[in-house]
Protein backbone atom coordinates (compact mmCIF):
# COMPACT_ATOMS: atom_id res chain seq x y z
CA UNK A 1 20.20 -56.62 1.84
CA UNK A 2 17.60 -55.94 4.08
CA UNK A 3 14.31 -53.44 3.03
CA UNK A 4 12.62 -52.01 6.27
CA UNK A 5 8.94 -50.81 5.23
CA UNK A 6 7.57 -48.24 7.45
CA UNK A 7 3.71 -48.84 7.91
CA UNK A 8 1.46 -45.63 8.03
CA UNK A 9 0.12 -44.66 10.71
CA UNK A 10 -3.96 -44.22 10.66
CA UNK A 11 -5.35 -41.10 10.09
CA UNK A 12 -6.90 -40.26 13.79
CA UNK A 13 -9.70 -38.56 12.26
CA UNK A 14 -11.03 -41.18 10.64
CA UNK A 15 -10.30 -43.36 13.58
CA UNK A 16 -12.21 -41.26 15.56
CA UNK A 17 -15.44 -41.24 13.29
CA UNK A 18 -15.12 -45.00 12.76
CA UNK A 19 -14.34 -45.90 16.78
CA UNK A 20 -17.84 -43.12 17.21
CA UNK A 21 -19.77 -45.12 14.48
CA UNK A 22 -18.99 -48.49 16.10
CA UNK A 23 -20.37 -47.36 19.09
CA UNK A 24 -23.38 -46.14 18.02
CA UNK A 25 -24.29 -48.58 15.55
CA UNK A 26 -23.88 -51.31 18.23
CA UNK A 27 -25.72 -48.76 21.26
CA UNK A 28 -28.94 -49.02 18.62
CA UNK A 29 -28.93 -52.80 18.16
CA UNK A 30 -28.52 -53.28 21.62
CA UNK A 31 -31.51 -50.74 22.71
CA UNK A 32 -33.50 -52.64 19.86
CA UNK A 33 -33.09 -55.41 22.20
CA UNK A 34 -33.76 -53.31 25.64
CA UNK A 35 -37.13 -51.95 24.26
CA UNK A 36 -39.34 -55.04 25.03
CA UNK A 37 -38.25 -55.28 28.71
CA UNK A 38 -39.81 -51.97 28.99
CA UNK A 39 -42.92 -52.83 27.85
CA UNK A 40 -43.43 -56.29 28.67
CA UNK A 41 -42.67 -58.29 31.51
CA UNK A 42 -39.28 -59.01 32.17
CA UNK A 43 -38.40 -62.21 30.19
CA UNK A 44 -35.31 -64.62 30.14
CA UNK A 45 -32.51 -62.84 27.75
CA UNK A 46 -32.07 -64.60 24.20
CA UNK A 47 -28.91 -65.13 23.09
CA UNK A 48 -29.39 -62.25 20.51
CA UNK A 49 -29.07 -59.98 23.77
CA UNK A 50 -26.02 -61.58 24.70
CA UNK A 51 -24.45 -61.28 21.86
CA UNK A 52 -25.28 -57.90 21.46
CA UNK A 53 -24.49 -56.68 24.81
CA UNK A 54 -21.07 -58.27 24.50
CA UNK A 55 -20.72 -55.96 21.01
CA UNK A 56 -21.97 -53.21 22.57
CA UNK A 57 -19.19 -53.54 25.76
CA UNK A 58 -16.80 -53.84 22.83
CA UNK A 59 -17.63 -50.97 20.91
CA UNK A 60 -17.16 -49.18 24.73
CA UNK A 61 -13.99 -50.95 25.74
CA UNK A 62 -12.49 -49.97 22.19
CA UNK A 63 -13.54 -46.24 22.81
CA UNK A 64 -12.22 -45.96 26.72
CA UNK A 65 -8.74 -47.39 25.37
CA UNK A 66 -8.48 -45.39 21.94
CA UNK A 67 -5.17 -43.50 22.86
CA UNK A 68 -3.54 -46.69 23.96
CA UNK A 69 -4.82 -48.87 21.03
CA UNK A 70 -3.58 -46.68 18.48
CA UNK A 71 0.10 -46.98 19.45
CA UNK A 72 0.00 -50.57 18.23
CA UNK A 73 1.35 -49.72 14.75
CA UNK A 74 -2.31 -50.69 13.02
CA UNK A 75 -2.43 -54.01 14.24
CA UNK A 76 -5.21 -53.17 16.84
CA UNK A 77 -7.58 -51.55 13.82
CA UNK A 78 -6.81 -54.44 11.68
CA UNK A 79 -7.90 -56.87 14.63
CA UNK A 80 -10.91 -54.29 15.60
CA UNK A 81 -11.98 -54.36 12.06
CA UNK A 82 -11.70 -58.23 11.36
CA UNK A 83 -14.10 -58.33 14.82
CA UNK A 84 -16.34 -55.37 13.92
CA UNK A 85 -16.94 -57.42 10.59
CA UNK A 86 -17.75 -61.02 12.63
CA UNK A 87 -20.00 -58.85 14.80
CA UNK A 88 -21.89 -57.71 11.78
CA UNK A 89 -22.39 -61.05 10.05
CA UNK A 90 -23.36 -62.54 13.41
CA UNK A 91 -26.39 -60.10 13.64
CA UNK A 92 -27.47 -61.18 10.28
CA UNK A 93 -27.65 -64.94 11.79
CA UNK A 94 -29.53 -63.38 15.16
CA UNK A 95 -31.83 -60.95 13.39
CA UNK A 96 -32.58 -62.53 9.85
CA UNK A 97 -35.63 -59.96 9.41
CA UNK A 98 -33.39 -57.19 9.47
CA UNK A 99 -30.80 -58.15 7.29
CA UNK A 100 -30.80 -55.10 4.82
CA UNK A 101 -30.15 -52.41 7.31
CA UNK A 102 -27.39 -54.46 8.73
CA UNK A 103 -25.79 -55.05 5.26
CA UNK A 104 -25.97 -51.65 5.07
CA UNK A 105 -23.68 -51.49 8.14
CA UNK A 106 -21.68 -53.83 7.10
CA UNK A 107 -20.96 -51.82 3.97
CA UNK A 108 -20.55 -48.42 6.02
CA UNK A 109 -18.01 -50.50 8.31
CA UNK A 110 -16.16 -51.89 5.08
CA UNK A 111 -15.65 -47.71 3.77
CA UNK A 112 -14.21 -46.90 7.03
CA UNK A 113 -12.03 -49.87 7.19
CA UNK A 114 -10.61 -48.78 3.60
CA UNK A 115 -10.41 -45.07 4.56
CA UNK A 116 -8.07 -46.09 7.83
CA UNK A 117 -6.21 -48.62 6.01
CA UNK A 118 -5.43 -46.49 3.09
CA UNK A 119 -6.90 -48.47 0.70
CA UNK A 120 -4.53 -51.44 1.21
CA UNK A 121 -6.87 -53.97 2.91
CA UNK A 122 -10.23 -52.90 1.75
CA UNK A 123 -10.53 -56.07 -0.13
CA UNK A 124 -9.39 -58.08 2.54
CA UNK A 125 -11.89 -57.19 4.30
CA UNK A 126 -14.43 -57.42 2.01
CA UNK A 127 -13.45 -61.13 1.34
CA UNK A 128 -14.06 -62.00 5.40
CA UNK A 129 -17.26 -59.77 5.04
CA UNK A 130 -18.36 -62.32 1.89
CA UNK A 131 -16.92 -65.04 3.58
CA UNK A 132 -19.45 -64.54 6.63
CA UNK A 133 -22.08 -63.55 4.54
CA UNK A 134 -22.26 -66.65 2.71
CA UNK A 135 -21.47 -68.86 5.21
CA UNK A 136 -24.46 -67.28 7.51
CA UNK A 137 -26.94 -67.89 4.13
CA UNK A 138 -25.83 -70.99 3.54
CA UNK A 139 -26.46 -72.02 7.52
CA UNK A 140 -30.02 -70.28 7.15
CA UNK A 141 -30.74 -72.80 3.80
CA UNK A 142 -29.90 -75.72 5.27
CA UNK A 143 -31.00 -75.30 9.08
CA UNK A 144 -34.45 -72.87 8.47
CA UNK A 145 -35.92 -73.89 5.13
CA UNK A 146 -35.08 -70.41 3.66
CA UNK A 147 -36.47 -70.12 -0.23
CA UNK A 148 -33.55 -70.51 -2.46
CA UNK A 149 -34.08 -66.87 -4.20
CA UNK A 150 -32.78 -65.30 -0.86
CA UNK A 151 -29.53 -66.71 -2.11
CA UNK A 152 -29.48 -64.07 -4.44
CA UNK A 153 -29.56 -61.20 -1.75
CA UNK A 154 -26.62 -62.63 -0.02
CA UNK A 155 -24.74 -62.31 -3.41
CA UNK A 156 -25.93 -59.25 -4.23
CA UNK A 157 -24.83 -58.04 -0.54
CA UNK A 158 -21.29 -59.68 -1.26
CA UNK A 159 -20.89 -58.02 -4.79
CA UNK A 160 -21.84 -54.49 -3.12
CA UNK A 161 -19.04 -55.39 -0.11
CA UNK A 162 -16.48 -55.78 -3.15
CA UNK A 163 -17.58 -52.81 -5.11
CA UNK A 164 -17.42 -50.47 -2.07
CA UNK A 165 -13.88 -51.78 -1.30
CA UNK A 166 -12.71 -51.50 -4.65
CA UNK A 167 -14.45 -48.25 -4.46
CA UNK A 168 -12.86 -47.14 -1.27
CA UNK A 169 -9.18 -48.43 -2.55
CA UNK A 170 -9.23 -46.33 -5.48
CA UNK A 171 -10.59 -43.17 -3.91
CA UNK A 172 -7.81 -43.53 -1.28
CA UNK A 173 -5.23 -43.96 -3.78
CA UNK A 174 -5.97 -40.93 -5.44
CA UNK A 175 -6.49 -39.53 -2.56
CA UNK A 176 -2.87 -40.22 -1.67
CA UNK A 177 -1.68 -39.54 -4.84
CA UNK A 178 -2.89 -35.69 -4.42
CA UNK A 179 -1.58 -35.92 -0.69
CA UNK A 180 1.31 -36.38 -1.40
CA UNK A 181 1.47 -34.20 -4.56
CA UNK A 182 0.04 -31.08 -2.16
CA UNK A 183 2.70 -32.35 0.15
CA UNK A 184 5.67 -31.77 -2.24
CA UNK A 185 4.48 -28.53 -3.37
CA UNK A 186 3.80 -27.07 -0.05
CA UNK A 187 7.86 -28.17 0.37
CA UNK A 188 8.46 -26.47 -3.18
CA UNK A 189 6.69 -23.36 -2.11
CA UNK A 190 7.95 -23.28 1.45
CA UNK A 191 11.45 -23.84 0.07
CA UNK A 192 10.67 -21.26 -2.59
CA UNK A 193 9.46 -18.79 0.21
CA UNK A 194 13.00 -19.16 1.87
CA UNK A 195 14.68 -18.59 -1.13
CA UNK A 196 13.05 -15.58 -2.08
CA UNK A 197 13.63 -14.35 1.79
CA UNK A 198 17.23 -14.50 1.46
CA UNK A 199 17.61 -13.02 -1.76
CA UNK A 200 15.52 -10.16 -1.06
CA UNK A 201 17.31 -9.68 1.75
CA UNK A 202 21.08 -9.88 0.53
CA UNK A 203 19.65 -7.42 -2.56
CA UNK A 204 21.53 -4.14 -2.58
CA UNK A 205 18.17 -2.44 -3.23
CA UNK A 206 15.25 -2.44 -0.88
CA UNK A 207 11.80 -3.96 -1.69
CA UNK A 208 8.38 -3.20 -0.45
CA UNK A 209 5.64 -5.59 -0.80
CA UNK A 210 2.01 -3.78 -0.56
CA UNK A 211 -1.07 -5.62 -1.46
CA UNK A 212 -4.30 -3.99 -3.09
CA UNK A 213 -5.64 -2.68 -0.07
CA UNK A 214 -1.86 -0.85 -0.01
CA UNK A 215 -0.60 -2.51 3.22
CA UNK A 216 2.58 -4.06 3.74
CA UNK A 217 3.45 -7.63 2.92
CA UNK A 218 6.92 -7.56 2.96
CA UNK A 219 9.97 -6.13 3.39
CA UNK A 220 13.68 -6.08 3.40
CA UNK A 221 16.12 -4.43 5.81
CA UNK A 222 17.68 -2.45 2.78
CA UNK A 223 14.80 -0.95 2.22
CA UNK A 224 14.56 0.02 6.29
CA UNK A 225 17.86 1.53 5.74
CA UNK A 226 17.34 3.49 2.78
CA UNK A 227 14.38 4.83 4.05
CA UNK A 228 15.13 5.71 7.65
CA UNK A 229 12.71 3.51 9.51
CA UNK A 230 13.09 1.25 12.18
CA UNK A 231 12.74 -2.56 11.76
CA UNK A 232 10.51 -2.47 14.57
CA UNK A 233 7.97 -0.07 12.44
CA UNK A 234 8.28 -2.38 9.37
CA UNK A 235 7.34 -5.50 11.88
CA UNK A 236 4.58 -3.17 13.46
CA UNK A 237 2.64 -2.57 10.04
CA UNK A 238 2.79 -5.84 9.09
CA UNK A 239 1.13 -7.42 12.62
CA UNK A 240 -1.03 -4.33 12.54
CA UNK A 241 -2.05 -4.29 8.52
CA UNK A 242 -1.13 -0.75 8.86
CA UNK A 243 -1.42 1.11 5.29
CA UNK A 244 1.96 2.06 3.64
CA UNK A 245 0.47 5.54 3.35
CA UNK A 246 1.31 6.31 7.26
CA UNK A 247 4.79 5.54 6.63
CA UNK A 248 6.10 6.66 3.36
CA UNK A 249 3.36 9.28 2.06
CA UNK A 250 5.79 10.05 -0.27
CA UNK A 251 6.11 7.14 -2.15
CA UNK A 252 2.89 6.52 -2.05
CA UNK A 253 1.92 9.92 -3.79
CA UNK A 254 4.28 8.53 -6.22
CA UNK A 255 2.32 5.65 -6.88
CA UNK A 256 -0.63 7.53 -7.39
CA UNK A 257 0.64 9.73 -9.78
CA UNK A 258 2.32 7.08 -11.55
CA UNK A 259 0.34 6.00 -15.20
CA UNK A 260 -0.44 2.26 -15.24
CA UNK A 261 1.89 2.09 -18.77
CA UNK A 262 4.97 3.49 -16.66
CA UNK A 263 4.78 0.84 -13.47
CA UNK A 264 6.88 -1.85 -15.37
CA UNK A 265 9.41 0.67 -16.29
CA UNK A 266 13.19 -0.05 -16.24
CA UNK A 267 13.67 3.87 -15.29
CA UNK A 268 13.87 4.81 -11.96
CA UNK A 269 12.07 7.95 -10.66
CA UNK A 270 14.69 10.34 -8.41
CA UNK A 271 12.64 10.93 -4.70
CA UNK A 272 14.21 12.55 -1.92
CA UNK A 273 13.15 11.27 1.59
CA UNK A 274 15.20 11.98 4.62
CA UNK A 275 17.44 14.39 2.79
CA UNK A 276 18.49 11.23 0.95
CA UNK A 277 17.95 10.95 -2.86
CA UNK A 278 16.49 7.75 -3.77
CA UNK A 279 15.63 5.98 -7.24
CA UNK A 280 11.88 4.68 -6.97
CA UNK A 281 10.53 2.17 -9.63
CA UNK A 282 7.33 0.36 -9.30
CA UNK A 283 6.39 -2.99 -10.54
CA UNK A 284 2.95 -4.50 -10.77
CA UNK A 285 2.39 -7.88 -8.85
CA UNK A 286 -0.48 -8.53 -12.20
CA UNK A 287 -1.08 -6.75 -15.38
CA UNK A 288 -2.15 -3.76 -13.43
CA UNK A 289 -1.66 -2.46 -9.76
CA UNK A 290 -5.25 -4.06 -8.76
CA UNK A 291 -3.75 -7.05 -6.93
CA UNK A 292 -0.05 -5.33 -5.18
CA UNK A 293 2.87 -3.60 -6.36
CA UNK A 294 6.40 -4.37 -5.75
CA UNK A 295 8.42 -1.33 -5.26
CA UNK A 296 12.01 -1.03 -5.62
CA UNK A 297 14.21 1.60 -3.56
CA UNK A 298 17.68 2.10 -5.10
CA UNK A 299 20.50 4.84 -4.02
CA UNK A 300 20.46 7.62 -6.39
CA UNK A 301 24.02 8.01 -5.45
CA UNK A 302 25.11 5.17 -6.28
CA UNK A 303 23.81 4.60 -9.29
CA UNK A 304 25.03 8.26 -10.84
CA UNK A 305 28.30 6.88 -9.11
CA UNK A 306 27.66 3.59 -10.98
CA UNK A 307 26.92 5.68 -14.13
CA UNK A 308 29.80 8.14 -13.71
CA UNK A 309 32.21 4.97 -13.33
CA UNK A 310 30.84 3.61 -16.66
CA UNK A 311 31.43 6.96 -18.72
CA UNK A 312 34.59 7.15 -17.10
CA UNK A 313 36.13 3.93 -18.46
CA UNK A 314 34.00 4.16 -21.57
CA UNK A 315 36.06 8.17 -21.80
CA UNK A 316 39.51 6.09 -20.60
CA UNK A 317 39.64 3.75 -23.60
CA UNK A 318 38.52 6.05 -25.80
CA UNK A 319 41.22 8.92 -24.84
CA UNK A 320 43.96 6.10 -24.39
CA UNK A 321 43.68 5.15 -27.95
CA UNK A 322 43.37 8.67 -29.49
CA UNK A 323 46.20 9.90 -27.16
CA UNK A 324 48.63 7.25 -28.57
CA UNK A 325 46.98 8.03 -32.17
CA UNK A 326 47.83 11.68 -31.65
CA UNK A 327 51.43 11.59 -30.23
CA UNK A 328 53.16 10.16 -32.92
CA UNK A 329 52.19 12.85 -35.50
CA UNK A 330 52.64 15.40 -32.69
CA UNK A 331 56.25 14.41 -31.96
CA UNK A 332 56.86 14.47 -35.65
CA UNK A 333 55.31 18.00 -35.61
CA UNK A 334 57.25 19.07 -33.03
CA UNK A 335 60.54 17.93 -34.45
CA UNK A 336 59.90 19.83 -37.49
CA UNK A 337 59.45 22.92 -35.82
CA UNK A 338 62.73 22.89 -34.10
CA UNK A 339 64.69 22.18 -37.19
CA UNK A 340 62.86 24.97 -38.71
CA UNK A 341 63.84 27.15 -35.84
CA UNK A 342 67.18 26.47 -36.55
CA UNK A 343 67.27 27.32 -40.15
CA UNK A 344 65.32 30.51 -40.47
CA UNK A 345 66.54 33.65 -38.76
CA UNK A 346 63.40 35.61 -39.76
CA UNK A 347 61.29 37.38 -37.15
CA UNK A 348 58.02 36.41 -38.34
CA UNK A 349 58.86 33.27 -38.96
CA UNK A 350 59.98 32.33 -35.66
CA UNK A 351 57.09 33.95 -34.08
CA UNK A 352 55.09 31.59 -36.33
CA UNK A 353 57.14 28.67 -35.24
CA UNK A 354 57.21 29.43 -31.23
CA UNK A 355 53.28 29.55 -31.61
CA UNK A 356 53.47 25.99 -32.82
CA UNK A 357 56.10 25.02 -30.74
CA UNK A 358 53.64 26.08 -27.74
CA UNK A 359 50.59 24.70 -28.89
CA UNK A 360 52.57 21.20 -29.30
CA UNK A 361 53.87 21.60 -25.75
CA UNK A 362 50.30 22.30 -24.80
CA UNK A 363 48.77 19.33 -26.40
CA UNK A 364 51.73 17.47 -25.46
CA UNK A 365 50.56 18.24 -21.93
CA UNK A 366 46.85 17.24 -22.56
CA UNK A 367 47.89 13.76 -23.78
CA UNK A 368 49.86 13.60 -20.28
CA UNK A 369 46.97 14.55 -18.47
CA UNK A 370 44.66 12.40 -20.38
CA UNK A 371 47.14 8.96 -19.87
CA UNK A 372 47.46 9.89 -16.37
CA UNK A 373 43.57 10.34 -15.85
CA UNK A 374 43.55 6.71 -17.23
CA UNK A 375 45.78 5.33 -15.03
CA UNK A 376 44.22 6.65 -12.19
CA UNK A 377 43.15 3.30 -10.37
CA UNK A 378 46.80 1.92 -10.58
CA UNK A 379 47.97 2.83 -7.31
CA UNK A 380 50.73 1.69 -5.36
CA UNK A 381 50.41 3.21 -1.95
CA UNK A 382 52.87 3.43 0.63
CA UNK A 383 53.50 4.62 4.10
CA UNK A 384 54.39 8.26 4.14
CA UNK A 385 55.95 10.59 6.62
CA UNK A 386 53.90 13.52 6.13
CA UNK A 387 55.95 15.83 7.69
CA UNK A 388 59.03 15.07 6.02
CA UNK A 389 57.44 14.40 2.59
CA UNK A 390 55.22 18.11 2.32
CA UNK A 391 58.81 19.26 3.33
CA UNK A 392 60.41 17.74 0.33
CA UNK A 393 57.28 18.80 -1.54
CA UNK A 394 57.70 22.31 -0.63
CA UNK A 395 61.23 23.00 -1.50
CA UNK A 396 61.10 21.32 -4.73
CA UNK A 397 57.96 23.13 -5.94
CA UNK A 398 59.89 26.37 -4.59
CA UNK A 399 62.78 26.15 -6.62
CA UNK A 400 61.21 24.71 -9.82
CA UNK A 401 58.65 27.00 -10.05
CA UNK A 402 60.72 29.80 -9.05
CA UNK A 403 58.43 31.15 -6.13
CA UNK A 404 60.61 33.11 -2.93
CA UNK A 405 60.10 31.03 0.48
CA UNK A 406 58.55 34.48 1.72
CA UNK A 407 55.45 34.17 -0.35
CA UNK A 408 54.90 30.84 -0.05
CA UNK A 409 54.82 29.82 3.64
CA UNK A 410 54.86 26.11 4.56
CA UNK A 411 53.15 25.22 8.48
CA UNK A 412 53.63 21.15 9.63
CA UNK A 413 52.76 19.97 12.91
CA UNK A 414 55.04 19.06 15.70
CA UNK A 415 54.26 15.27 16.07
CA UNK A 416 55.40 12.93 12.71
CA UNK A 417 52.24 11.63 11.17
CA UNK A 418 52.13 8.82 8.56
CA UNK A 419 49.59 8.02 5.81
CA UNK A 420 49.07 5.10 2.86
CA UNK A 421 49.25 7.22 -0.35
CA UNK A 422 50.85 6.72 -3.62
CA UNK A 423 53.33 9.23 -3.76
CA UNK A 424 53.12 9.87 -7.10
CA UNK A 425 49.97 10.70 -7.21
CA UNK A 426 49.73 12.83 -3.99
CA UNK A 427 52.92 15.28 -5.48
CA UNK A 428 50.65 15.62 -8.68
CA UNK A 429 48.03 16.50 -6.29
CA UNK A 430 49.68 19.27 -4.35
CA UNK A 431 51.63 19.92 -7.04
CA UNK A 432 48.23 20.91 -9.23
CA UNK A 433 46.76 22.79 -6.32
CA UNK A 434 49.87 24.76 -5.34
CA UNK A 435 50.13 25.66 -8.98
CA UNK A 436 46.89 26.96 -9.40
CA UNK A 437 47.24 29.07 -6.08
CA UNK A 438 49.75 30.88 -7.05
CA UNK A 439 48.52 31.27 -10.43
CA UNK A 440 45.36 33.47 -9.11
CA UNK A 441 47.13 35.19 -5.97
CA UNK A 442 48.55 38.13 -5.79
CA UNK A 443 52.06 36.50 -5.52
CA UNK A 444 53.17 38.67 -3.14
CA UNK A 445 54.56 38.11 0.67
CA UNK A 446 52.34 35.12 2.19
CA UNK A 447 49.86 34.98 -0.52
CA UNK A 448 50.38 31.06 -0.76
CA UNK A 449 50.17 28.89 2.34
CA UNK A 450 50.42 24.71 2.75
CA UNK A 451 49.53 23.66 6.15
CA UNK A 452 49.08 20.31 7.52
CA UNK A 453 46.43 19.88 10.07
CA UNK A 454 44.70 16.88 12.35
CA UNK A 455 41.48 17.02 12.60
CA UNK A 456 39.54 16.87 16.04
CA UNK A 457 38.86 12.89 16.15
CA UNK A 458 42.63 12.12 15.16
CA UNK A 459 41.68 9.94 12.89
CA UNK A 460 42.46 12.07 9.42
CA UNK A 461 45.04 14.82 8.07
CA UNK A 462 44.16 18.07 6.41
CA UNK A 463 46.45 19.49 4.02
CA UNK A 464 45.49 22.68 3.37
CA UNK A 465 46.33 25.11 0.19
CA UNK A 466 44.98 28.52 0.34
CA UNK A 467 45.83 31.47 -1.74
CA UNK A 468 44.75 35.35 -1.44
CA UNK A 469 43.22 35.86 -4.59
CA UNK A 470 39.84 36.68 -5.63
CA UNK A 471 38.19 33.50 -5.17
CA UNK A 472 36.47 31.18 -7.68
CA UNK A 473 33.65 32.78 -9.49
CA UNK A 474 30.15 31.91 -8.71
CA UNK A 475 29.12 30.93 -11.83
CA UNK A 476 31.97 28.47 -12.41
CA UNK A 477 31.85 26.56 -9.08
CA UNK A 478 29.60 23.95 -9.81
CA UNK A 479 32.09 22.88 -12.87
CA UNK A 480 34.97 23.57 -10.89
CA UNK A 481 35.73 19.52 -11.22
CA UNK A 482 34.90 18.98 -14.46
CA UNK A 483 36.86 17.60 -17.58
CA UNK A 484 38.03 20.52 -19.61
CA UNK A 485 36.84 22.90 -17.73
CA UNK A 486 39.06 26.26 -17.26
CA UNK A 487 38.95 30.14 -17.54
CA UNK A 488 42.97 30.23 -18.67
CA UNK A 489 43.90 30.19 -22.23
CA UNK A 490 46.81 28.21 -22.43
CA UNK A 491 45.19 25.65 -19.47
CA UNK A 492 43.63 21.82 -19.86
CA UNK A 493 41.13 22.19 -17.86
CA UNK A 494 42.06 18.42 -16.32
CA UNK A 495 44.25 19.37 -13.35
CA UNK A 496 41.56 19.41 -10.93
CA UNK A 497 39.77 16.86 -12.61
CA UNK A 498 42.45 14.24 -12.29
CA UNK A 499 43.55 15.75 -8.68
CA UNK A 500 39.74 14.91 -7.24
CA UNK A 501 39.93 11.20 -9.45
CA UNK A 502 43.52 10.78 -7.89
CA UNK A 503 42.81 11.51 -4.54
CA UNK A 504 39.37 9.10 -4.28
CA UNK A 505 41.69 6.59 -6.03
CA UNK A 506 43.88 6.64 -2.59
CA UNK A 507 40.40 7.08 -0.52
CA UNK A 508 40.72 10.70 0.33
CA UNK A 509 38.57 13.55 -0.54
CA UNK A 510 39.33 16.85 -1.91
CA UNK A 511 37.06 19.70 -1.40
CA UNK A 512 36.86 23.80 -1.18
CA UNK A 513 35.93 26.92 0.20
CA UNK A 514 36.38 29.79 -1.65
CA UNK A 515 35.04 33.69 -0.83
CA UNK A 516 36.67 37.52 -1.14
CA UNK A 517 39.47 36.71 0.47
CA UNK A 518 40.57 33.77 -1.64
CA UNK A 519 40.48 29.79 -2.11
CA UNK A 520 41.47 27.42 0.15
CA UNK A 521 41.74 23.66 -1.28
CA UNK A 522 41.62 21.13 1.69
CA UNK A 523 42.73 17.18 1.03
CA UNK A 524 41.46 14.77 3.47
CA UNK A 525 43.74 11.37 4.04
CA UNK A 526 42.91 9.19 6.82
CA UNK A 527 46.03 8.52 9.22
CA UNK A 528 47.87 5.11 9.18
CA UNK A 529 47.22 2.80 11.79
CA UNK A 530 50.74 1.90 13.92
């Protein structure tokens, strides 16, 4: 199996600094050889002059062709560094009186070489420099009768080269480790930021993030919808650092009046913005609001609907269990009452038994209504021809309730129209509305009217039940659809409540209008798509 290794590209900034260092060092050394020519009479150039000139020209050539040399996958850099070390060692030979300064140049060269090669070749360059230093010093001892103690300088310079190379390698390894860790953390933060952005955008609630200067830092699209703001307004607020006070002053006013202890409260505060009821919650980013606040915006109607559904579900389970437990003894009481009515002939006893029988039937009706309410979500929807269904219901209702056709009028459209509804549910809704309407009407000619109308858009059907009674008492109107709300002594108070629940279960809407001339209930149903 072949393993391919990819060599890291040298840091371009370090390469530029290294190139400038080479050019500057070679230029100063070559300038030191030119200076005597300006002060004295021209003389024959020495070998040192030509060596330094070559070094300076080499530095210029590398600087000019810098971009093209960096495309050699680091090979050109290794050759350049090795040549630099060779040239500096030669300077030790040609300039024996400046060994300290030239040795310093050699150490700086190794430092740059270690940084550029990420520390991998620092020891290699130090070894080349050490070999050159020892060879040059040995040559000096053998040919120029240099004192033996000068050899210690060469050894110290060599040790300095290795120490510098080791230090460069160690620091570079740590730098690479820190760089790798920082890069990994950067990728993690970027991934986390994208994840958070996706989560906030998909949240059903609106989210606003403001900083300590009350300027907008983040938002999601749901916040724009709930606040009635355009996304362009939010983007402009982000770019221009517009204070949130100018966008939503009501929320900022609420924030200023909210105690610090309640900034992390799970309970939302109701606030009306643009004719929409919203639930506002604040959560401080840190221990207090000085470092910014996250604002959660909820649709208050959804909160109320969810709470209502939870209560209804709990109520449904409870009432269903109670209803089943009550029905058994209630059946026994009803059966015993019937037996006693057959045996007893005394008027007083018969009257008491009839009262018991009437109340048993009332309790049984309440149980039936409660059980029906508990089954409101089990719809068996089908396509109904509204004209045929309403006509059949009208005839059946008049026959059962013994109402004259002249007292209860029917109006149907000429065109046939279809709706999607549970047949049993719509029959129960209309029966309850018509029965209530007849009971509260004057019970004379045309006292009760049932009409079927189409709206102007042609998308909905309205089933209207109108009576000519005194209208609904204003004190009762806010509680009209509440369970067990009734003005009749024998009523259960569940009829309208169940009618509305069954209508909503089928995607319809039940509403009413009332006045001195009577009350009209309207069941709005969407037309079936042909």
